[in-house]
Protein backbone atom coordinates (compact mmCIF):
# COMPACT_ATOMS: atom_id res chain seq x y z
CA MET A 1 0.01 -0.03 0.01
CA GLU A 2 1.31 3.45 -0.88
CA ARG A 3 1.63 6.16 1.77
CA THR A 4 -1.17 8.81 1.93
CA TYR A 5 -0.40 12.33 3.11
CA ILE A 6 -2.58 13.28 5.99
CA LYS A 7 -4.08 16.20 4.23
CA ASP A 8 -5.43 13.81 1.58
CA ILE A 9 -6.83 11.31 4.05
CA ALA A 10 -10.50 10.30 3.41
CA PRO A 11 -12.61 7.55 5.03
CA GLY A 12 -11.38 4.11 4.07
CA VAL A 13 -8.28 1.99 4.34
CA CYS A 14 -4.96 3.75 3.98
CA LYS A 15 -1.35 4.01 5.14
CA ILE A 16 0.26 7.01 6.93
CA SER A 17 3.79 7.70 8.21
CA GLY A 18 5.08 10.53 10.34
CA TYR A 19 6.26 11.64 13.78
CA VAL A 20 4.55 11.01 17.06
CA GLU A 21 3.43 14.39 18.24
CA ASN A 22 1.28 13.27 21.21
CA PHE A 23 0.83 9.87 22.86
CA ARG A 24 -1.53 8.63 25.60
CA ASN A 25 -1.02 4.99 26.47
CA LYS A 26 -4.08 3.93 28.55
CA ARG A 27 -4.85 0.44 29.92
CA THR A 28 -7.24 -0.67 27.13
CA MET A 29 -6.64 2.04 24.51
CA ALA A 30 -3.70 4.02 23.06
CA PHE A 31 -4.12 7.38 21.33
CA ILE A 32 -1.35 8.58 19.04
CA VAL A 33 -1.34 11.86 17.19
CA VAL A 34 0.79 11.36 14.04
CA LYS A 35 2.12 14.42 12.24
CA ASP A 36 3.56 14.67 8.76
CA ILE A 37 4.44 17.68 6.71
CA THR A 38 0.82 18.17 5.64
CA GLY A 39 -1.15 17.75 8.80
CA LYS A 40 -2.03 15.58 11.84
CA LEU A 41 -4.23 12.50 12.49
CA GLN A 42 -5.33 10.70 15.58
CA VAL A 43 -4.65 6.97 15.60
CA THR A 44 -6.68 4.95 18.10
CA VAL A 45 -5.42 1.45 19.05
CA GLU A 46 -7.73 -0.98 20.66
CA LYS A 47 -5.29 -3.06 22.58
CA GLU A 48 -7.51 -6.11 23.02
CA LYS A 49 -7.80 -6.53 19.29
CA HIS A 50 -4.05 -6.01 18.60
CA PRO A 51 -1.87 -7.65 21.22
CA GLU A 52 0.93 -7.66 18.62
CA MET A 53 1.25 -3.91 19.03
CA LEU A 54 1.57 -3.86 22.81
CA GLU A 55 5.36 -4.15 22.98
CA MET A 56 5.80 -1.47 20.35
CA LEU A 57 3.40 0.92 22.22
CA ASP A 58 5.28 0.40 25.48
CA LYS A 59 8.52 1.55 23.80
CA LEU A 60 7.04 4.46 21.89
CA THR A 61 8.14 7.99 22.69
CA ILE A 62 7.28 11.51 21.53
CA HIS A 63 8.94 12.30 18.14
CA SER A 64 9.44 8.63 17.30
CA VAL A 65 8.75 7.86 13.66
CA VAL A 66 5.87 5.42 12.91
CA THR A 67 3.84 3.93 10.08
CA PHE A 68 0.25 2.81 10.46
CA GLU A 69 -2.08 1.01 8.12
CA GLY A 70 -5.78 0.84 8.88
CA GLU A 71 -9.29 2.24 8.42
CA VAL A 72 -9.99 5.95 8.75
CA VAL A 73 -13.41 6.89 9.97
CA LEU A 74 -15.25 10.16 10.57
CA SER A 75 -15.84 10.94 14.18
CA GLU A 76 -17.62 13.88 15.85
CA TYR A 77 -15.74 13.13 19.06
CA VAL A 78 -12.27 13.77 17.61
CA LYS A 79 -11.40 17.46 17.68
CA LEU A 80 -8.39 17.01 15.32
CA GLY A 81 -10.00 17.18 11.97
CA GLY A 82 -13.03 15.01 12.84
CA LYS A 83 -11.23 11.90 11.71
CA GLU A 84 -9.33 9.01 13.26
CA MET A 85 -7.61 5.83 12.18
CA TYR A 86 -8.10 2.35 13.68
CA PRO A 87 -4.90 0.59 12.71
CA THR A 88 -4.56 -3.00 11.57
CA ALA A 89 -0.69 -2.80 11.24
CA MET A 90 1.93 -0.79 13.01
CA LYS A 91 5.67 -0.30 12.47
CA VAL A 92 8.11 1.76 14.52
CA GLU A 93 10.52 3.19 12.03
CA SER A 94 12.77 4.70 14.75
CA ILE A 95 12.65 5.56 18.49
CA ALA A 96 13.39 9.12 19.57
CA GLU A 97 15.40 9.95 22.65
CA ALA A 98 14.17 12.74 24.99
CA LEU A 99 14.28 15.91 23.04
CA PRO A 100 17.23 18.28 23.75
CA ILE A 101 15.18 21.48 23.25
CA LYS A 102 11.79 22.90 24.07
CA ASP A 103 9.66 25.64 22.48
CA ASP A 104 10.99 28.19 24.95
CA SER A 105 14.68 27.20 24.70
CA ASP A 106 17.29 29.86 23.98
CA ILE A 107 17.56 30.62 20.23
CA ASP A 108 21.21 29.53 20.14
CA VAL A 109 20.41 26.26 21.78
CA LYS A 110 17.69 25.69 19.19
CA MET A 111 20.22 26.43 16.49
CA ASP A 112 22.48 23.64 17.93
CA TYR A 113 19.62 21.24 17.31
CA ARG A 114 18.12 22.95 14.27
CA TRP A 115 16.90 19.68 12.66
CA VAL A 116 14.74 19.09 15.74
CA ASP A 117 13.62 22.78 15.92
CA LEU A 118 12.53 22.65 12.32
CA ARG A 119 9.88 20.07 13.17
CA ARG A 120 7.68 22.76 14.78
CA ASP A 121 4.55 23.86 12.94
CA LYS A 122 5.80 27.39 12.73
CA ASN A 123 9.02 26.34 10.93
CA HIS A 124 7.15 24.08 8.52
CA LEU A 125 4.90 26.98 7.62
CA MET A 126 7.89 29.30 7.32
CA LEU A 127 9.56 27.15 4.74
CA LYS A 128 6.36 26.50 2.89
CA MET A 129 5.75 30.27 2.75
CA GLN A 130 9.39 30.76 1.51
CA THR A 131 8.72 28.25 -1.25
CA THR A 132 5.62 30.10 -2.31
CA LEU A 133 7.39 33.38 -2.24
CA THR A 134 10.31 32.22 -4.38
CA ALA A 135 8.05 30.44 -6.86
CA ALA A 136 5.99 33.61 -7.23
CA LEU A 137 8.99 35.82 -7.83
CA ARG A 138 10.26 33.41 -10.45
CA GLU A 139 6.78 33.11 -12.02
CA PHE A 140 6.39 36.81 -12.35
CA LEU A 141 9.62 37.20 -14.23
CA VAL A 142 9.30 34.08 -16.37
CA ASN A 143 5.95 35.38 -17.50
CA ARG A 144 7.83 38.58 -18.61
CA ASP A 145 10.41 36.60 -20.65
CA PHE A 146 13.23 36.83 -18.08
CA ILE A 147 15.97 34.19 -18.46
CA GLU A 148 17.23 32.30 -15.33
CA ILE A 149 20.99 32.08 -15.03
CA HIS A 150 23.38 30.59 -12.40
CA THR A 151 26.53 32.57 -11.83
CA PRO A 152 29.78 31.26 -10.20
CA LYS A 153 30.27 31.75 -6.48
CA LEU A 154 34.04 31.36 -6.70
CA ILE A 155 35.44 34.62 -8.12
CA ALA A 156 38.88 35.98 -8.71
CA ALA A 157 38.34 39.61 -7.61
CA ALA A 158 38.09 40.54 -3.96
CA SER A 159 36.06 43.73 -4.41
CA GLU A 160 32.51 44.20 -5.72
CA SER A 161 30.36 46.54 -3.68
CA GLY A 162 32.60 47.33 -0.73
CA SER A 163 31.49 44.48 1.50
CA ASP A 164 34.15 42.19 2.94
CA VAL A 165 34.59 38.82 1.27
CA PHE A 166 35.68 35.34 2.29
CA GLU A 167 39.05 34.23 0.89
CA VAL A 168 39.51 30.59 -0.03
CA LYS A 169 42.48 28.57 -1.21
CA TYR A 170 42.07 27.78 -4.92
CA PHE A 171 44.68 25.27 -5.95
CA ASP A 172 47.91 27.40 -6.11
CA THR A 173 46.18 30.77 -5.91
CA LYS A 174 43.44 32.58 -4.04
CA ALA A 175 39.72 32.88 -4.82
CA TYR A 176 36.86 34.61 -3.02
CA LEU A 177 33.29 33.73 -2.28
CA ALA A 178 30.88 36.06 -4.19
CA GLN A 179 29.17 38.65 -2.12
CA SER A 180 26.59 39.03 -4.97
CA PRO A 181 26.19 38.04 -8.59
CA GLN A 182 26.42 41.71 -9.65
CA PHE A 183 29.34 41.55 -12.07
CA TYR A 184 27.95 38.50 -13.84
CA LYS A 185 24.48 39.90 -14.00
CA GLN A 186 25.89 42.88 -15.91
CA MET A 187 28.02 40.54 -18.05
CA ALA A 188 24.69 38.95 -19.08
CA MET A 189 23.50 42.32 -20.19
CA ALA A 190 26.65 42.81 -22.27
CA SER A 191 25.89 39.33 -23.73
CA GLY A 192 22.62 40.51 -25.08
CA LEU A 193 20.43 38.33 -22.74
CA ASP A 194 18.27 41.40 -22.14
CA LYS A 195 16.48 40.27 -18.96
CA ILE A 196 17.84 37.79 -16.44
CA PHE A 197 17.37 36.65 -12.81
CA GLU A 198 19.02 34.31 -10.37
CA THR A 199 18.40 32.69 -7.02
CA GLY A 200 21.53 31.57 -5.20
CA PRO A 201 23.79 31.89 -2.18
CA VAL A 202 25.45 35.17 -1.18
CA PHE A 203 28.43 35.47 1.14
CA ARG A 204 29.33 38.43 3.33
CA ALA A 205 32.44 38.36 5.60
CA GLU A 206 31.07 40.88 8.02
CA LYS A 207 31.14 40.51 11.77
CA SER A 208 27.59 41.75 12.30
CA TYR A 209 25.76 40.46 15.35
CA THR A 210 22.28 41.90 14.57
CA ASN A 211 18.96 40.16 14.09
CA LYS A 212 19.00 40.87 10.36
CA HIS A 213 22.56 39.97 9.22
CA ALA A 214 24.01 36.68 8.20
CA THR A 215 27.37 35.66 6.60
CA GLU A 216 25.52 33.43 4.06
CA PHE A 217 21.98 33.95 2.74
CA THR A 218 19.91 33.36 -0.31
CA GLY A 219 19.71 36.20 -2.82
CA PHE A 220 17.11 36.80 -5.57
CA ASP A 221 18.66 39.02 -8.12
CA LEU A 222 17.63 40.41 -11.44
CA GLU A 223 18.87 42.72 -14.23
CA PHE A 224 17.33 44.02 -17.40
CA SER A 225 18.28 46.12 -20.32
CA TYR A 226 17.06 49.14 -22.29
CA ILE A 227 15.80 51.04 -19.29
CA GLU A 228 15.40 54.82 -19.51
CA SER A 229 16.02 55.55 -15.83
CA PHE A 230 16.17 53.88 -12.37
CA ASP A 231 12.42 54.67 -12.19
CA ASP A 232 11.96 51.60 -14.48
CA VAL A 233 13.84 49.49 -11.91
CA MET A 234 11.70 50.71 -9.01
CA LYS A 235 8.56 50.05 -11.07
CA MET A 236 9.72 46.52 -11.82
CA GLU A 237 10.43 45.80 -8.12
CA GLU A 238 7.16 47.19 -6.74
CA GLU A 239 5.21 45.16 -9.29
CA LEU A 240 7.22 42.03 -8.50
CA LEU A 241 6.81 42.31 -4.79
CA THR A 242 3.09 43.17 -4.98
CA TYR A 243 2.58 40.05 -7.11
CA ALA A 244 4.53 37.80 -4.72
CA LEU A 245 2.92 39.20 -1.54
CA ALA A 246 -0.54 38.59 -3.03
CA LYS A 247 0.36 34.91 -3.80
CA VAL A 248 1.75 34.38 -0.30
CA LYS A 249 -1.33 35.99 1.33
CA GLU A 250 -3.71 33.90 -0.85
CA LYS A 251 -2.01 30.60 0.04
CA HIS A 252 -0.75 31.11 3.65
CA GLY A 253 -2.33 34.30 5.05
CA ASP A 254 -4.80 32.63 7.34
CA GLU A 255 -2.18 30.21 8.76
CA ILE A 256 0.33 33.00 9.20
CA LYS A 257 -2.23 34.97 11.19
CA GLU A 258 -3.02 31.93 13.31
CA LEU A 259 0.58 30.81 14.10
CA PHE A 260 2.52 34.07 14.00
CA GLY A 261 -0.20 36.71 14.68
CA MET A 262 0.98 38.64 11.57
CA ASP A 263 -1.41 40.22 9.10
CA LEU A 264 -0.17 40.32 5.53
CA THR A 265 -1.09 43.45 3.66
CA VAL A 266 -0.81 43.44 -0.15
CA PRO A 267 0.58 46.88 -0.91
CA THR A 268 -0.99 49.36 -3.30
CA LEU A 269 0.86 50.71 -6.28
CA PRO A 270 2.96 52.82 -6.72
CA PHE A 271 5.17 52.58 -3.60
CA PRO A 272 5.88 56.04 -2.08
CA ARG A 273 9.23 57.65 -2.98
CA MET A 274 11.35 60.08 -1.01
CA LYS A 275 14.67 61.73 -1.48
CA LEU A 276 17.10 61.04 1.42
CA ARG A 277 17.39 64.65 2.40
CA ASP A 278 13.59 64.85 2.60
CA VAL A 279 13.51 61.78 4.84
CA TYR A 280 15.84 63.49 7.31
CA SER A 281 13.77 66.66 7.19
CA GLU A 282 10.50 64.80 7.91
CA LEU A 283 12.11 62.68 10.64
CA GLU A 284 13.32 65.88 12.38
CA GLU A 285 10.02 67.74 11.87
CA ARG A 286 7.78 64.88 12.91
CA TYR A 287 9.75 63.03 15.49
CA GLY A 288 12.59 65.29 16.49
CA TYR A 289 15.21 62.98 15.12
CA THR A 290 18.46 64.69 14.04
CA VAL A 291 21.86 63.57 12.84
CA PRO A 292 25.01 65.57 12.02
CA ASP A 293 25.23 66.85 8.43
CA GLU A 294 28.19 64.65 7.72
CA LEU A 295 26.06 61.53 8.20
CA LYS A 296 23.19 62.64 5.92
CA GLY A 297 24.66 61.17 2.78
CA ASP A 298 23.50 57.71 3.91
CA LEU A 299 20.64 56.35 5.98
CA THR A 300 21.62 55.69 9.61
CA THR A 301 20.43 52.52 11.36
CA GLU A 302 18.07 54.47 13.58
CA ALA A 303 16.70 56.48 10.60
CA GLU A 304 16.07 53.27 8.77
CA ARG A 305 14.13 51.90 11.68
CA MET A 306 12.10 55.11 11.94
CA THR A 307 11.07 55.09 8.31
CA LYS A 308 8.49 52.37 9.27
CA LYS A 309 6.52 54.92 11.15
CA LEU A 310 7.23 57.62 8.64
CA ALA A 311 5.89 55.58 5.76
CA GLU A 312 2.79 54.67 7.72
CA ASP A 313 2.11 58.20 9.02
CA LYS A 314 2.84 60.04 5.73
CA PHE A 315 1.70 57.57 3.13
CA GLY A 316 -0.33 54.82 4.90
CA HIS A 317 2.09 52.38 3.39
CA GLU A 318 4.58 49.65 4.52
CA PHE A 319 7.11 50.30 1.82
CA LEU A 320 9.28 53.31 1.02
CA PHE A 321 11.74 54.00 -1.75
CA ILE A 322 14.55 56.32 -0.74
CA THR A 323 16.69 57.92 -3.44
CA ASP A 324 19.50 60.52 -3.85
CA TYR A 325 22.25 59.01 -1.66
CA ASP A 326 25.73 60.53 -1.58
CA ALA A 327 27.99 59.02 -4.27
CA LYS A 328 30.56 58.00 -1.78
CA GLU A 329 28.06 55.79 -0.09
CA ARG A 330 27.05 53.97 -3.33
CA ALA A 331 28.88 51.36 -5.37
CA PHE A 332 31.09 52.60 -8.21
CA TYR A 333 28.96 50.96 -10.90
CA HIS A 334 25.87 53.03 -10.05
CA MET A 335 25.12 55.58 -12.81
CA ARG A 336 25.30 59.23 -11.69
CA ASP A 337 23.42 62.21 -13.10
CA GLU A 338 24.92 65.47 -14.27
CA ASN A 339 25.14 66.60 -10.61
CA GLY A 340 26.90 63.44 -9.52
CA VAL A 341 23.85 62.00 -7.68
CA PRO A 342 23.67 58.14 -7.90
CA GLN A 343 20.68 56.93 -9.94
CA GLY A 344 19.58 54.33 -7.46
CA TYR A 345 17.58 53.71 -4.36
CA ASP A 346 17.05 51.67 -1.21
CA LEU A 347 13.70 49.99 -0.67
CA ILE A 348 12.60 49.87 3.03
CA TRP A 349 9.92 47.54 4.26
CA ARG A 350 8.71 47.75 7.82
CA GLY A 351 11.70 49.79 8.83
CA VAL A 352 14.31 47.41 7.34
CA GLU A 353 16.25 47.82 4.08
CA ILE A 354 15.48 44.99 1.71
CA THR A 355 16.99 46.21 -1.57
CA THR A 356 19.63 48.41 -3.04
CA GLY A 357 18.76 48.91 -6.71
CA ALA A 358 20.03 51.22 -9.43
CA GLN A 359 20.56 52.07 -13.04
CA ARG A 360 24.08 50.78 -13.76
CA GLU A 361 26.79 52.72 -15.52
CA HIS A 362 27.22 51.01 -18.89
CA ARG A 363 29.69 53.44 -20.58
CA TYR A 364 33.19 52.02 -20.32
CA ASP A 365 35.10 55.33 -19.86
CA VAL A 366 32.75 56.63 -17.18
CA LEU A 367 32.69 53.27 -15.35
CA LYS A 368 36.46 52.99 -15.39
CA ALA A 369 36.77 56.51 -13.99
CA GLN A 370 34.33 55.74 -11.18
CA ALA A 371 36.22 52.57 -10.29
CA GLU A 372 39.45 54.56 -10.19
CA GLU A 373 37.88 57.12 -7.99
CA LYS A 374 37.24 54.43 -5.40
CA GLY A 375 40.61 52.80 -5.83
CA LEU A 376 39.19 49.64 -7.42
CA ALA A 377 40.38 49.87 -10.99
CA GLU A 378 42.91 46.95 -10.72
CA ASP A 379 40.63 44.78 -8.61
CA VAL A 380 37.74 44.98 -11.17
CA LYS A 381 39.86 45.00 -14.31
CA PHE A 382 38.21 41.83 -15.60
CA TYR A 383 34.79 43.30 -14.97
CA LEU A 384 35.51 46.49 -16.95
CA GLU A 385 36.29 44.32 -19.90
CA PHE A 386 32.57 43.48 -20.15
CA PHE A 387 31.81 47.04 -21.30
CA LYS A 388 34.43 47.56 -23.94
CA TYR A 389 32.44 45.99 -26.77
CA GLY A 390 29.06 47.63 -26.39
CA CYS A 391 26.55 47.27 -23.61
CA PRO A 392 22.90 48.53 -23.43
CA PRO A 393 21.60 50.76 -20.59
CA HIS A 394 20.45 48.59 -17.82
CA GLY A 395 19.59 48.28 -14.17
CA GLY A 396 18.58 45.90 -11.50
CA PHE A 397 18.36 44.93 -7.83
CA GLY A 398 18.66 42.16 -5.40
CA LEU A 399 16.38 40.83 -2.63
CA GLY A 400 17.31 38.63 0.35
CA ILE A 401 14.88 35.74 0.59
CA ASP A 402 15.69 35.19 4.24
CA ARG A 403 15.24 38.84 5.19
CA LEU A 404 11.88 38.91 3.41
CA THR A 405 10.83 35.81 5.33
CA MET A 406 12.00 37.42 8.52
CA LEU A 407 9.83 40.52 7.83
CA PHE A 408 6.90 38.42 6.71
CA LEU A 409 6.73 36.53 9.95
CA GLY A 410 8.29 38.75 12.56
CA LEU A 411 11.32 36.55 13.15
CA SER A 412 15.00 37.15 13.57
CA ILE A 413 17.34 36.19 10.67
CA LYS A 414 18.56 33.11 12.67
CA GLU A 415 14.98 31.74 12.62
CA ALA A 416 14.25 32.70 9.00
CA GLU A 417 17.02 30.58 7.48
CA PHE A 418 16.98 26.82 7.08
CA LEU A 419 20.45 26.78 8.61
CA PHE A 420 21.89 30.09 9.92
CA ARG A 421 25.48 31.16 9.25
CA GLY A 422 27.02 33.96 11.35
CA PRO A 423 30.37 34.96 12.72
CA ASN A 424 29.97 32.40 15.51
CA ARG A 425 27.89 29.75 13.69
CA LEU A 426 29.30 27.15 11.30
CA THR A 427 27.36 24.09 12.51
CA PRO A 428 25.26 22.16 12.14
């Protein structure tokens, strides 16, 4: 008999497998709640009818893995889905020792036993939601004729966007783990691929001990050609995110509300936009927040956090595009206007930056000069070659799937990744 997922169970004879979530071993009856990835079912064993199961029942523990075959019937007395199974066959696949963690264990202890922690309903939902999110992002772009590529994560250059990188031994030389697919996304534009995207690992060698930073995470990046300005990039992103959020809300909104207490709001279009200097003016005027003039070329951590309230109060919106950063705070490959202002933006969601996007500089001479200005000309020499033989105007952005998951569900980054990697975390 083939296994049936619990969500597909109907009255009749079937076979189920899963973990023992709850177990009551009475004198004449045993009640086992079996959980698989799709749901839970009560299994009721009448001991008098099945003496061959008694020894197995006496050894059974919470989180042991079991398989049952038997008849499923409807029952108004069973609160769990109104169904229960009366088994005719039982097999204990493995016995679980006492669990090393509880629901209220410290987060770092949970990380030590992440494979056990992931069994919780919340974590199953988190990964299902993440699957729906990534599929929706991909679907949106594929429907618009984007091509999916897979760029190398071992690179020869140590500098991309100013973030620190991991150095690795590569035969008789050095290589580095890519901190983004940025260079190769732009190579794709110079290859005439027109519109591309990628989902893959991203590495950042930064000793950040915050609830939103990780040394390895999953990036969702895209790049597309023949744009007229970075407004085209912002429009693409707001439409992409609105589409994906609607898909997640449709499929998981009720469960997310039940398990996480989070309401998912599908945003209205267009997303509000503000220049960085205007953000600081509003933060000062509305909330009395000030920073020294020398810090106003970038968004401070506290200002970033406060944009959540600003976006809500000023626009009634959860998202906010911020533009007009100082050139010294932006990557060398961002295009600049005639006044030297980078043609890019940050997108803030619920007070957390989720994207830096821009129109890229595609003119070889200008790009080379901007790399030299930041002292990177030699480090990015191979990258500059991409632009010598013609390249269309283009732009793009990247999203962190884990950070989006974190914001969707109100988690820390440690909880939002399948396996977290940080300055002090390399196992399991």
